[in-house]
Amino acid sequence: MALQARRSTLRRSTIAAWVFAALVLALARCAAPPANGPHALDELERPPADFTLDVAILTGSRVPVEAEAHRRPGHFILLADGSLLHDSGPTVTWDERPGRTRALYQQQVSDLWALARRLGFTSPSNADFIGNPSLLEPTRDETIYVIAFNAAGERWTFVRGFRGAQEPDPASLTLIRALCDLAWSQDLPRERFLPVRYDFGPDPYAGFRRRS
């Protein structure tokens, strides 16, 4: 009887252990996001720990002030800790470090890296500039985009330019517009660029003129 009781107790313990293991596995599956869920992040879309981005919009001396943020002089720097630096205006240069605008969430940094990857910017083999960006000077009617990446111990740079009312390169435009949104750099209202017309009322000297 004692042996049968021990076997019964052992059987109940084994069943309880299997039930507990199955319950733990089910809870783990519920807690983990699905592979194709909204929170799943492809390793290729995860930015390297040392990912930084340095982007400058440089304009020539005869380029007028435009309403669109992507056509105005500006400088964006994204640091590895998520800090976003930004400045805009005619005095912007590649060498001058702008002030800190905000800190991005990790998801925002990942989204920016994923966007750059889809646009072809995260591959060093696609880079089209070898040299010192500080030496770049746009011609009088030219706008230049300087886009420098640093990731996984490598640094590579893209330079895209356009003149006058030409449309910029679509890929660089998409990336820079995303940076403008993150840095709260908005387009200016069109009304700001309308000519100013002054109305001073009737001619105050009309009564003194001789009638013909």
N, C-alpha and C. Protein backbone atom coordinates (compact mmCIF):
# COMPACT_ATOMS: atom_id res chain seq x y z
N MET A 1 0.83 -1.21 0.00
CA MET A 1 0.00 0.00 0.00
C MET A 1 0.86 1.27 0.00
N ALA A 2 1.93 1.21 0.78
CA ALA A 2 2.81 2.38 0.85
C ALA A 2 3.46 2.66 -0.50
N LEU A 3 3.89 1.58 -1.22
CA LEU A 3 4.50 1.74 -2.54
C LEU A 3 3.51 2.32 -3.53
N GLN A 4 2.26 1.85 -3.47
CA GLN A 4 1.23 2.37 -4.38
C GLN A 4 0.93 3.84 -4.08
N ALA A 5 0.95 4.18 -2.82
CA ALA A 5 0.69 5.58 -2.45
C ALA A 5 1.80 6.49 -2.96
N ARG A 6 3.10 5.98 -2.85
CA ARG A 6 4.20 6.80 -3.34
C ARG A 6 4.11 6.99 -4.84
N ARG A 7 3.73 5.92 -5.57
CA ARG A 7 3.59 6.02 -7.03
C ARG A 7 2.49 7.02 -7.40
N SER A 8 1.39 6.99 -6.65
CA SER A 8 0.29 7.92 -6.92
C SER A 8 0.72 9.36 -6.68
N THR A 9 1.48 9.55 -5.58
CA THR A 9 1.97 10.90 -5.28
C THR A 9 2.94 11.39 -6.35
N LEU A 10 3.85 10.48 -6.82
CA LEU A 10 4.80 10.84 -7.85
C LEU A 10 4.10 11.18 -9.15
N ARG A 11 3.03 10.42 -9.48
CA ARG A 11 2.29 10.68 -10.71
C ARG A 11 1.62 12.06 -10.65
N ARG A 12 1.05 12.37 -9.47
CA ARG A 12 0.40 13.68 -9.33
C ARG A 12 1.42 14.81 -9.42
N SER A 13 2.60 14.60 -8.85
CA SER A 13 3.65 15.63 -8.91
C SER A 13 4.12 15.86 -10.34
N THR A 14 4.24 14.76 -11.12
CA THR A 14 4.68 14.88 -12.51
C THR A 14 3.65 15.63 -13.34
N ILE A 15 2.37 15.29 -13.12
CA ILE A 15 1.30 15.98 -13.86
C ILE A 15 1.28 17.46 -13.51
N ALA A 16 1.45 17.76 -12.21
CA ALA A 16 1.45 19.17 -11.79
C ALA A 16 2.62 19.93 -12.41
N ALA A 17 3.79 19.26 -12.51
CA ALA A 17 4.95 19.91 -13.11
C ALA A 17 4.72 20.21 -14.58
N TRP A 18 4.12 19.26 -15.31
CA TRP A 18 3.83 19.47 -16.73
C TRP A 18 2.82 20.60 -16.93
N VAL A 19 1.80 20.64 -16.06
CA VAL A 19 0.80 21.71 -16.16
C VAL A 19 1.43 23.07 -15.90
N PHE A 20 2.32 23.13 -14.89
CA PHE A 20 3.00 24.39 -14.58
C PHE A 20 3.89 24.84 -15.73
N ALA A 21 4.63 23.90 -16.33
CA ALA A 21 5.51 24.24 -17.45
C ALA A 21 4.70 24.74 -18.65
N ALA A 22 3.57 24.08 -18.92
CA ALA A 22 2.72 24.51 -20.04
C ALA A 22 2.16 25.91 -19.79
N LEU A 23 1.80 26.19 -18.53
CA LEU A 23 1.25 27.51 -18.20
C LEU A 23 2.31 28.60 -18.37
N VAL A 24 3.53 28.33 -17.92
CA VAL A 24 4.62 29.31 -18.07
C VAL A 24 4.90 29.57 -19.54
N LEU A 25 4.93 28.51 -20.38
CA LEU A 25 5.18 28.67 -21.80
C LEU A 25 4.08 29.49 -22.47
N ALA A 26 2.83 29.25 -22.08
CA ALA A 26 1.71 29.99 -22.66
C ALA A 26 1.78 31.47 -22.30
N LEU A 27 2.14 31.75 -21.03
CA LEU A 27 2.26 33.15 -20.62
C LEU A 27 3.40 33.85 -21.34
N ALA A 28 4.49 33.13 -21.57
CA ALA A 28 5.63 33.73 -22.28
C ALA A 28 5.25 34.06 -23.71
N ARG A 29 4.49 33.19 -24.35
CA ARG A 29 4.06 33.45 -25.72
C ARG A 29 3.12 34.63 -25.79
N CYS A 30 2.27 34.79 -24.77
CA CYS A 30 1.34 35.93 -24.76
C CYS A 30 2.10 37.24 -24.54
N ALA A 31 3.13 37.20 -23.73
CA ALA A 31 3.86 38.43 -23.41
C ALA A 31 4.74 38.89 -24.55
N ALA A 32 5.27 37.95 -25.33
CA ALA A 32 6.19 38.31 -26.41
C ALA A 32 5.41 38.85 -27.59
N PRO A 33 5.85 39.96 -28.24
CA PRO A 33 5.15 40.48 -29.41
C PRO A 33 5.33 39.54 -30.58
N PRO A 34 4.33 39.45 -31.46
CA PRO A 34 4.47 38.60 -32.64
C PRO A 34 5.59 39.08 -33.53
N ALA A 35 6.14 38.14 -34.31
CA ALA A 35 7.28 38.48 -35.17
C ALA A 35 6.95 39.57 -36.16
N ASN A 36 5.69 39.63 -36.58
CA ASN A 36 5.28 40.65 -37.54
C ASN A 36 4.42 41.73 -36.90
N GLY A 37 4.48 41.84 -35.56
CA GLY A 37 3.66 42.81 -34.86
C GLY A 37 4.24 44.21 -34.98
N PRO A 38 3.50 45.20 -34.49
CA PRO A 38 3.93 46.59 -34.64
C PRO A 38 5.19 46.92 -33.84
N HIS A 39 5.48 46.13 -32.79
CA HIS A 39 6.64 46.43 -31.96
C HIS A 39 7.86 45.61 -32.36
N ALA A 40 7.71 44.72 -33.33
CA ALA A 40 8.85 43.93 -33.77
C ALA A 40 9.79 44.81 -34.58
N LEU A 41 11.09 44.66 -34.37
CA LEU A 41 12.07 45.50 -35.05
C LEU A 41 13.10 44.62 -35.71
N ASP A 42 13.15 44.69 -37.02
CA ASP A 42 14.14 43.95 -37.80
C ASP A 42 15.53 44.39 -37.37
N GLU A 43 16.43 43.42 -37.25
CA GLU A 43 17.80 43.76 -36.87
C GLU A 43 18.43 44.74 -37.85
N LEU A 44 18.06 44.64 -39.15
CA LEU A 44 18.61 45.55 -40.14
C LEU A 44 18.09 46.97 -39.95
N GLU A 45 16.93 47.11 -39.30
CA GLU A 45 16.36 48.44 -39.08
C GLU A 45 16.76 49.00 -37.72
N ARG A 46 17.47 48.23 -36.92
CA ARG A 46 17.93 48.71 -35.62
C ARG A 46 19.23 49.49 -35.81
N PRO A 47 19.28 50.76 -35.42
CA PRO A 47 20.50 51.54 -35.66
C PRO A 47 21.66 51.05 -34.80
N PRO A 48 22.89 51.10 -35.33
CA PRO A 48 24.05 50.77 -34.50
C PRO A 48 24.16 51.72 -33.31
N ALA A 49 24.84 51.26 -32.28
CA ALA A 49 24.93 52.05 -31.05
C ALA A 49 25.64 53.38 -31.26
N ASP A 50 26.53 53.44 -32.25
CA ASP A 50 27.29 54.68 -32.49
C ASP A 50 26.72 55.51 -33.63
N PHE A 51 25.47 55.26 -34.00
CA PHE A 51 24.85 55.97 -35.12
C PHE A 51 24.72 57.46 -34.83
N THR A 52 25.30 58.28 -35.71
CA THR A 52 25.12 59.73 -35.67
C THR A 52 24.85 60.22 -37.10
N LEU A 53 24.21 61.35 -37.19
CA LEU A 53 23.85 61.92 -38.49
C LEU A 53 24.11 63.42 -38.47
N ASP A 54 24.77 63.90 -39.51
CA ASP A 54 25.11 65.32 -39.61
C ASP A 54 24.65 65.81 -40.98
N VAL A 55 23.69 66.73 -40.99
CA VAL A 55 23.10 67.21 -42.25
C VAL A 55 23.12 68.73 -42.26
N ALA A 56 23.57 69.29 -43.38
CA ALA A 56 23.60 70.75 -43.54
C ALA A 56 22.94 71.13 -44.86
N ILE A 57 22.18 72.22 -44.82
CA ILE A 57 21.61 72.82 -46.02
C ILE A 57 22.35 74.14 -46.24
N LEU A 58 23.13 74.20 -47.30
CA LEU A 58 23.93 75.39 -47.59
C LEU A 58 23.40 76.06 -48.85
N THR A 59 23.24 77.37 -48.83
CA THR A 59 22.69 78.10 -49.97
C THR A 59 23.66 79.17 -50.45
N GLY A 60 23.60 79.44 -51.76
CA GLY A 60 24.45 80.47 -52.36
C GLY A 60 23.97 81.87 -52.03
N SER A 61 24.80 82.85 -52.36
CA SER A 61 24.52 84.23 -51.98
C SER A 61 23.30 84.81 -52.68
N ARG A 62 22.92 84.28 -53.84
CA ARG A 62 21.78 84.80 -54.57
C ARG A 62 20.52 83.95 -54.42
N VAL A 63 20.56 82.97 -53.57
CA VAL A 63 19.36 82.15 -53.33
C VAL A 63 18.46 82.91 -52.36
N PRO A 64 17.24 83.27 -52.77
CA PRO A 64 16.36 84.03 -51.89
C PRO A 64 15.85 83.18 -50.73
N VAL A 65 15.39 83.84 -49.69
CA VAL A 65 14.79 83.13 -48.56
C VAL A 65 13.48 82.49 -49.02
N GLU A 66 13.36 81.20 -48.82
CA GLU A 66 12.19 80.46 -49.28
C GLU A 66 11.29 80.09 -48.11
N ALA A 67 10.03 79.78 -48.43
CA ALA A 67 9.08 79.39 -47.39
C ALA A 67 9.34 77.98 -46.88
N GLU A 68 9.75 77.07 -47.79
CA GLU A 68 9.93 75.68 -47.40
C GLU A 68 11.18 75.52 -46.54
N ALA A 69 11.05 74.75 -45.46
CA ALA A 69 12.17 74.55 -44.54
C ALA A 69 13.34 73.85 -45.21
N HIS A 70 13.07 72.98 -46.19
CA HIS A 70 14.16 72.23 -46.83
C HIS A 70 14.93 73.07 -47.84
N ARG A 71 14.49 74.31 -48.08
CA ARG A 71 15.20 75.21 -49.00
C ARG A 71 15.92 76.33 -48.25
N ARG A 72 15.77 76.39 -46.96
CA ARG A 72 16.43 77.43 -46.16
C ARG A 72 17.70 76.87 -45.52
N PRO A 73 18.71 77.71 -45.29
CA PRO A 73 19.93 77.23 -44.64
C PRO A 73 19.61 76.61 -43.28
N GLY A 74 20.20 75.45 -43.03
CA GLY A 74 19.96 74.76 -41.76
C GLY A 74 21.03 73.73 -41.48
N HIS A 75 21.13 73.35 -40.22
CA HIS A 75 22.13 72.36 -39.80
C HIS A 75 21.48 71.46 -38.75
N PHE A 76 21.54 70.16 -38.98
CA PHE A 76 20.97 69.16 -38.07
C PHE A 76 22.08 68.19 -37.67
N ILE A 77 22.18 67.90 -36.38
CA ILE A 77 23.11 66.88 -35.89
C ILE A 77 22.36 65.98 -34.92
N LEU A 78 22.33 64.68 -35.23
CA LEU A 78 21.76 63.69 -34.33
C LEU A 78 22.90 62.94 -33.66
N LEU A 79 22.97 63.02 -32.34
CA LEU A 79 24.03 62.35 -31.59
C LEU A 79 23.62 60.93 -31.22
N ALA A 80 24.60 60.14 -30.77
CA ALA A 80 24.34 58.73 -30.47
C ALA A 80 23.39 58.55 -29.30
N ASP A 81 23.29 59.54 -28.41
CA ASP A 81 22.39 59.42 -27.27
C ASP A 81 20.98 59.91 -27.58
N GLY A 82 20.71 60.26 -28.84
CA GLY A 82 19.38 60.71 -29.24
C GLY A 82 19.20 62.21 -29.21
N SER A 83 20.22 62.96 -28.79
CA SER A 83 20.11 64.43 -28.78
C SER A 83 20.09 64.95 -30.21
N LEU A 84 19.14 65.84 -30.50
CA LEU A 84 19.03 66.44 -31.82
C LEU A 84 19.39 67.91 -31.72
N LEU A 85 20.45 68.31 -32.42
CA LEU A 85 20.89 69.69 -32.47
C LEU A 85 20.41 70.32 -33.77
N HIS A 86 20.01 71.59 -33.71
CA HIS A 86 19.49 72.23 -34.92
C HIS A 86 19.67 73.73 -34.85
N ASP A 87 19.96 74.30 -36.02
CA ASP A 87 20.01 75.75 -36.16
C ASP A 87 19.66 76.07 -37.61
N SER A 88 19.16 77.27 -37.83
CA SER A 88 18.81 77.69 -39.19
C SER A 88 19.09 79.18 -39.32
N GLY A 89 19.24 79.62 -40.57
CA GLY A 89 19.52 81.02 -40.82
C GLY A 89 20.70 81.21 -41.74
N PRO A 90 20.92 82.43 -42.20
CA PRO A 90 21.97 82.69 -43.20
C PRO A 90 23.38 82.47 -42.69
N THR A 91 23.58 82.42 -41.38
CA THR A 91 24.94 82.26 -40.84
C THR A 91 25.32 80.80 -40.63
N VAL A 92 24.45 79.87 -41.01
CA VAL A 92 24.73 78.44 -40.79
C VAL A 92 25.92 78.00 -41.63
N THR A 93 26.83 77.26 -41.01
CA THR A 93 27.96 76.66 -41.72
C THR A 93 28.09 75.20 -41.29
N TRP A 94 28.89 74.45 -42.05
CA TRP A 94 29.10 73.05 -41.71
C TRP A 94 29.90 72.90 -40.41
N ASP A 95 30.85 73.78 -40.17
CA ASP A 95 31.75 73.64 -39.02
C ASP A 95 31.12 74.07 -37.71
N GLU A 96 30.11 74.92 -37.77
CA GLU A 96 29.53 75.45 -36.53
C GLU A 96 28.52 74.47 -35.96
N ARG A 97 28.68 74.12 -34.69
CA ARG A 97 27.80 73.16 -34.03
C ARG A 97 26.56 73.88 -33.49
N PRO A 98 25.38 73.44 -33.92
CA PRO A 98 24.15 74.10 -33.44
C PRO A 98 23.82 73.71 -32.01
N GLY A 99 22.86 74.42 -31.43
CA GLY A 99 22.43 74.12 -30.08
C GLY A 99 21.46 72.94 -30.04
N ARG A 100 21.25 72.42 -28.84
CA ARG A 100 20.38 71.26 -28.64
C ARG A 100 18.92 71.68 -28.70
N THR A 101 18.17 71.01 -29.56
CA THR A 101 16.75 71.31 -29.71
C THR A 101 15.88 70.39 -28.86
N ARG A 102 16.17 69.10 -28.86
CA ARG A 102 15.35 68.14 -28.13
C ARG A 102 16.09 66.81 -28.05
N ALA A 103 15.53 65.88 -27.29
CA ALA A 103 16.03 64.51 -27.23
C ALA A 103 14.99 63.60 -27.86
N LEU A 104 15.41 62.77 -28.79
CA LEU A 104 14.50 61.85 -29.46
C LEU A 104 14.34 60.56 -28.66
N TYR A 105 13.16 59.96 -28.76
CA TYR A 105 12.96 58.63 -28.21
C TYR A 105 13.73 57.62 -29.07
N GLN A 106 14.03 56.47 -28.47
CA GLN A 106 14.75 55.43 -29.21
C GLN A 106 13.97 55.00 -30.44
N GLN A 107 12.64 54.95 -30.33
CA GLN A 107 11.82 54.55 -31.47
C GLN A 107 11.94 55.57 -32.60
N GLN A 108 12.03 56.85 -32.27
CA GLN A 108 12.19 57.88 -33.31
C GLN A 108 13.53 57.74 -34.01
N VAL A 109 14.58 57.43 -33.25
CA VAL A 109 15.89 57.21 -33.86
C VAL A 109 15.85 55.98 -34.77
N SER A 110 15.20 54.92 -34.29
CA SER A 110 15.08 53.70 -35.10
C SER A 110 14.28 53.96 -36.37
N ASP A 111 13.22 54.75 -36.27
CA ASP A 111 12.42 55.07 -37.45
C ASP A 111 13.23 55.88 -38.45
N LEU A 112 14.05 56.80 -37.96
CA LEU A 112 14.88 57.60 -38.86
C LEU A 112 15.92 56.73 -39.56
N TRP A 113 16.53 55.82 -38.82
CA TRP A 113 17.50 54.89 -39.43
C TRP A 113 16.82 54.01 -40.47
N ALA A 114 15.62 53.51 -40.14
CA ALA A 114 14.89 52.66 -41.09
C ALA A 114 14.54 53.43 -42.36
N LEU A 115 14.16 54.70 -42.20
CA LEU A 115 13.86 55.53 -43.37
C LEU A 115 15.11 55.72 -44.22
N ALA A 116 16.23 56.04 -43.57
CA ALA A 116 17.49 56.22 -44.30
C ALA A 116 17.90 54.93 -45.02
N ARG A 117 17.63 53.81 -44.39
CA ARG A 117 17.96 52.52 -45.02
C ARG A 117 17.11 52.28 -46.27
N ARG A 118 15.83 52.59 -46.18
CA ARG A 118 14.95 52.40 -47.35
C ARG A 118 15.35 53.34 -48.49
N LEU A 119 15.89 54.50 -48.15
CA LEU A 119 16.29 55.48 -49.16
C LEU A 119 17.69 55.21 -49.72
N GLY A 120 18.39 54.23 -49.15
CA GLY A 120 19.71 53.86 -49.66
C GLY A 120 20.87 54.60 -49.04
N PHE A 121 20.64 55.29 -47.92
CA PHE A 121 21.71 56.09 -47.32
C PHE A 121 22.58 55.31 -46.32
N THR A 122 22.12 54.16 -45.84
CA THR A 122 22.86 53.47 -44.78
C THR A 122 23.94 52.55 -45.32
N SER A 123 24.12 52.50 -46.62
CA SER A 123 25.17 51.68 -47.22
C SER A 123 26.35 52.57 -47.60
N PRO A 124 27.51 52.39 -46.98
CA PRO A 124 28.67 53.23 -47.32
C PRO A 124 29.06 53.16 -48.79
N SER A 125 28.76 52.04 -49.45
CA SER A 125 29.13 51.90 -50.86
C SER A 125 28.35 52.85 -51.76
N ASN A 126 27.23 53.39 -51.26
CA ASN A 126 26.43 54.32 -52.05
C ASN A 126 26.89 55.77 -51.91
N ALA A 127 27.81 56.03 -50.99
CA ALA A 127 28.27 57.40 -50.77
C ALA A 127 28.90 57.97 -52.03
N ASP A 128 28.68 59.28 -52.25
CA ASP A 128 29.16 59.90 -53.49
C ASP A 128 30.11 61.07 -53.24
N PHE A 129 30.63 61.18 -52.01
CA PHE A 129 31.55 62.29 -51.73
C PHE A 129 32.70 61.80 -50.86
N ILE A 130 33.91 62.09 -51.29
CA ILE A 130 35.11 61.79 -50.51
C ILE A 130 35.89 63.10 -50.37
N GLY A 131 35.96 63.61 -49.20
CA GLY A 131 36.65 64.88 -49.00
C GLY A 131 36.20 65.54 -47.72
N ASN A 132 36.55 66.79 -47.57
CA ASN A 132 36.23 67.56 -46.38
C ASN A 132 34.99 68.42 -46.66
N PRO A 133 33.85 68.14 -46.01
CA PRO A 133 32.64 68.94 -46.25
C PRO A 133 32.83 70.42 -45.94
N SER A 134 33.79 70.75 -45.09
CA SER A 134 34.02 72.16 -44.74
C SER A 134 34.46 72.99 -45.94
N LEU A 135 35.00 72.32 -46.96
CA LEU A 135 35.49 73.03 -48.13
C LEU A 135 34.42 73.23 -49.19
N LEU A 136 33.24 72.70 -48.96
CA LEU A 136 32.15 72.83 -49.94
C LEU A 136 31.56 74.23 -49.87
N GLU A 137 31.42 74.87 -51.02
CA GLU A 137 30.78 76.18 -51.11
C GLU A 137 29.82 76.17 -52.30
N PRO A 138 28.54 76.44 -52.05
CA PRO A 138 27.60 76.48 -53.17
C PRO A 138 27.86 77.70 -54.05
N THR A 139 27.56 77.57 -55.33
CA THR A 139 27.63 78.73 -56.21
C THR A 139 26.51 79.70 -55.86
N ARG A 140 26.49 80.86 -56.50
CA ARG A 140 25.59 81.93 -56.08
C ARG A 140 24.11 81.53 -56.10
N ASP A 141 23.71 80.67 -57.06
CA ASP A 141 22.29 80.30 -57.15
C ASP A 141 22.06 78.84 -56.81
N GLU A 142 22.97 78.24 -56.05
CA GLU A 142 22.91 76.80 -55.77
C GLU A 142 22.58 76.52 -54.31
N THR A 143 21.87 75.41 -54.09
CA THR A 143 21.62 74.88 -52.74
C THR A 143 22.25 73.50 -52.65
N ILE A 144 23.00 73.26 -51.59
CA ILE A 144 23.71 71.99 -51.40
C ILE A 144 23.21 71.30 -50.14
N TYR A 145 22.93 70.00 -50.27
CA TYR A 145 22.65 69.16 -49.11
C TYR A 145 23.90 68.34 -48.81
N VAL A 146 24.41 68.44 -47.59
CA VAL A 146 25.52 67.60 -47.13
C VAL A 146 24.97 66.65 -46.08
N ILE A 147 25.06 65.35 -46.33
CA ILE A 147 24.47 64.33 -45.46
C ILE A 147 25.57 63.35 -45.06
N ALA A 148 25.99 63.40 -43.81
CA ALA A 148 27.10 62.56 -43.33
C ALA A 148 26.60 61.58 -42.27
N PHE A 149 26.88 60.30 -42.49
CA PHE A 149 26.51 59.24 -41.56
C PHE A 149 27.74 58.72 -40.83
N ASN A 150 27.53 58.33 -39.59
CA ASN A 150 28.55 57.62 -38.83
C ASN A 150 27.86 56.44 -38.15
N ALA A 151 28.31 55.22 -38.44
CA ALA A 151 27.69 54.03 -37.86
C ALA A 151 28.63 52.84 -38.01
N ALA A 152 28.61 51.98 -37.00
CA ALA A 152 29.41 50.75 -37.02
C ALA A 152 30.88 51.03 -37.30
N GLY A 153 31.38 52.15 -36.77
CA GLY A 153 32.78 52.48 -36.92
C GLY A 153 33.17 53.07 -38.27
N GLU A 154 32.21 53.34 -39.13
CA GLU A 154 32.50 53.91 -40.45
C GLU A 154 31.82 55.27 -40.58
N ARG A 155 32.35 56.08 -41.49
CA ARG A 155 31.77 57.39 -41.78
C ARG A 155 31.72 57.57 -43.29
N TRP A 156 30.56 58.00 -43.79
CA TRP A 156 30.39 58.21 -45.23
C TRP A 156 29.47 59.39 -45.46
N THR A 157 29.63 60.03 -46.63
CA THR A 157 28.97 61.31 -46.88
C THR A 157 28.34 61.34 -48.27
N PHE A 158 27.18 61.99 -48.33
CA PHE A 158 26.49 62.25 -49.59
C PHE A 158 26.39 63.76 -49.78
N VAL A 159 26.52 64.20 -51.02
CA VAL A 159 26.35 65.61 -51.36
C VAL A 159 25.41 65.70 -52.55
N ARG A 160 24.32 66.42 -52.38
CA ARG A 160 23.33 66.61 -53.45
C ARG A 160 23.08 68.10 -53.62
N GLY A 161 23.00 68.57 -54.85
CA GLY A 161 22.78 69.98 -55.10
C GLY A 161 21.73 70.24 -56.16
N PHE A 162 21.16 71.42 -56.13
CA PHE A 162 20.20 71.85 -57.15
C PHE A 162 20.25 73.36 -57.24
N ARG A 163 19.75 73.89 -58.35
CA ARG A 163 19.83 75.33 -58.61
C ARG A 163 18.44 75.95 -58.71
N GLY A 164 18.33 77.16 -58.22
CA GLY A 164 17.12 77.94 -58.37
C GLY A 164 15.86 77.22 -57.92
N ALA A 165 14.89 77.18 -58.83
CA ALA A 165 13.60 76.57 -58.53
C ALA A 165 13.56 75.08 -58.82
N GLN A 166 14.70 74.48 -59.16
CA GLN A 166 14.73 73.04 -59.40
C GLN A 166 14.32 72.27 -58.14
N GLU A 167 13.78 71.07 -58.36
CA GLU A 167 13.41 70.22 -57.24
C GLU A 167 14.63 69.44 -56.77
N PRO A 168 14.82 69.32 -55.46
CA PRO A 168 15.97 68.55 -54.96
C PRO A 168 15.79 67.06 -55.19
N ASP A 169 16.87 66.32 -55.00
CA ASP A 169 16.83 64.87 -55.11
C ASP A 169 15.76 64.30 -54.18
N PRO A 170 14.84 63.44 -54.69
CA PRO A 170 13.72 62.95 -53.87
C PRO A 170 14.15 62.24 -52.59
N ALA A 171 15.21 61.42 -52.65
CA ALA A 171 15.63 60.68 -51.47
C ALA A 171 16.15 61.63 -50.38
N SER A 172 17.02 62.55 -50.76
CA SER A 172 17.55 63.49 -49.77
C SER A 172 16.46 64.43 -49.27
N LEU A 173 15.52 64.79 -50.13
CA LEU A 173 14.40 65.63 -49.70
C LEU A 173 13.57 64.93 -48.63
N THR A 174 13.28 63.64 -48.84
CA THR A 174 12.49 62.88 -47.87
C THR A 174 13.19 62.81 -46.52
N LEU A 175 14.49 62.55 -46.53
CA LEU A 175 15.24 62.46 -45.27
C LEU A 175 15.29 63.81 -44.56
N ILE A 176 15.53 64.88 -45.31
CA ILE A 176 15.64 66.20 -44.69
C ILE A 176 14.29 66.69 -44.18
N ARG A 177 13.21 66.38 -44.88
CA ARG A 177 11.89 66.76 -44.38
C ARG A 177 11.59 66.03 -43.07
N ALA A 178 12.04 64.78 -42.96
CA ALA A 178 11.85 64.04 -41.71
C ALA A 178 12.63 64.71 -40.57
N LEU A 179 13.85 65.16 -40.86
CA LEU A 179 14.64 65.87 -39.86
C LEU A 179 14.00 67.21 -39.48
N CYS A 180 13.45 67.90 -40.47
CA CYS A 180 12.76 69.17 -40.19
C CYS A 180 11.59 68.95 -39.23
N ASP A 181 10.84 67.88 -39.46
CA ASP A 181 9.71 67.59 -38.57
C ASP A 181 10.19 67.28 -37.15
N LEU A 182 11.26 66.49 -37.04
CA LEU A 182 11.77 66.13 -35.72
C LEU A 182 12.35 67.34 -34.99
N ALA A 183 12.91 68.28 -35.74
CA ALA A 183 13.52 69.48 -35.14
C ALA A 183 12.54 70.64 -35.02
N TRP A 184 11.27 70.40 -35.37
CA TRP A 184 10.24 71.43 -35.31
C TRP A 184 10.57 72.61 -36.21
N SER A 185 11.23 72.35 -37.33
CA SER A 185 11.54 73.39 -38.31
C SER A 185 10.42 73.42 -39.34
N GLN A 186 9.56 74.40 -39.25
CA GLN A 186 8.35 74.44 -40.06
C GLN A 186 8.51 75.35 -41.27
N ASP A 187 7.66 75.09 -42.27
CA ASP A 187 7.58 75.98 -43.42
C ASP A 187 7.00 77.32 -42.98
N LEU A 188 7.49 78.38 -43.59
CA LEU A 188 6.97 79.71 -43.29
C LEU A 188 5.71 79.98 -44.10
N PRO A 189 4.78 80.78 -43.59
CA PRO A 189 3.58 81.09 -44.36
C PRO A 189 3.91 81.86 -45.63
N ARG A 190 3.22 81.52 -46.71
CA ARG A 190 3.48 82.17 -47.99
C ARG A 190 3.22 83.67 -47.93
N GLU A 191 2.26 84.09 -47.09
CA GLU A 191 1.92 85.51 -47.00
C GLU A 191 3.12 86.35 -46.57
N ARG A 192 4.07 85.72 -45.92
CA ARG A 192 5.23 86.46 -45.43
C ARG A 192 6.09 86.96 -46.58
N PHE A 193 5.96 86.34 -47.75
CA PHE A 193 6.81 86.69 -48.88
C PHE A 193 6.08 87.52 -49.94
N LEU A 194 4.85 87.94 -49.65
CA LEU A 194 4.13 88.81 -50.57
C LEU A 194 4.69 90.22 -50.48
N PRO A 195 4.66 90.97 -51.57
CA PRO A 195 5.17 92.35 -51.52
C PRO A 195 4.32 93.22 -50.60
N VAL A 196 4.98 94.12 -49.90
CA VAL A 196 4.29 95.02 -48.98
C VAL A 196 3.82 96.25 -49.75
N ARG A 197 2.55 96.55 -49.65
CA ARG A 197 1.99 97.72 -50.34
C ARG A 197 1.50 98.72 -49.27
N TYR A 198 1.91 99.95 -49.43
CA TYR A 198 1.56 100.98 -48.46
C TYR A 198 0.51 101.91 -49.06
N ASP A 199 -0.50 102.24 -48.29
CA ASP A 199 -1.54 103.17 -48.71
C ASP A 199 -1.52 104.34 -47.72
N PHE A 200 -1.05 105.48 -48.21
CA PHE A 200 -0.93 106.64 -47.34
C PHE A 200 -2.15 107.56 -47.43
N GLY A 201 -3.22 107.11 -48.05
CA GLY A 201 -4.41 107.92 -48.14
C GLY A 201 -4.35 108.92 -49.28
N PRO A 202 -5.26 109.88 -49.29
CA PRO A 202 -5.30 110.86 -50.39
C PRO A 202 -4.08 111.78 -50.37
N ASP A 203 -3.85 112.41 -51.50
CA ASP A 203 -2.71 113.33 -51.65
C ASP A 203 -2.94 114.56 -50.78
N PRO A 204 -2.11 114.81 -49.78
CA PRO A 204 -2.34 115.96 -48.89
C PRO A 204 -2.09 117.30 -49.58
N TYR A 205 -1.44 117.29 -50.73
CA TYR A 205 -1.14 118.54 -51.43
C TYR A 205 -2.10 118.80 -52.58
N ALA A 206 -3.12 117.96 -52.70
CA ALA A 206 -4.04 118.11 -53.84
C ALA A 206 -4.73 119.48 -53.82
N GLY A 207 -5.07 120.01 -52.65
CA GLY A 207 -5.78 121.28 -52.55
C GLY A 207 -4.93 122.49 -52.89
N PHE A 208 -3.61 122.32 -52.89
CA PHE A 208 -2.72 123.44 -53.18
C PHE A 208 -2.31 123.50 -54.64
N ARG A 209 -2.67 122.48 -55.38
CA ARG A 209 -2.27 122.48 -56.78
C ARG A 209 -3.25 123.33 -57.58
N ARG A 210 -2.75 124.02 -58.56
CA ARG A 210 -3.59 124.87 -59.40
C ARG A 210 -4.43 123.99 -60.31
N ARG A 211 -5.68 124.34 -60.40
CA ARG A 211 -6.56 123.60 -61.29
C ARG A 211 -6.27 124.01 -62.73
N SER A 212 -6.21 123.01 -63.59
CA SER A 212 -5.93 123.31 -65.00
C SER A 212 -7.22 123.67 -65.72
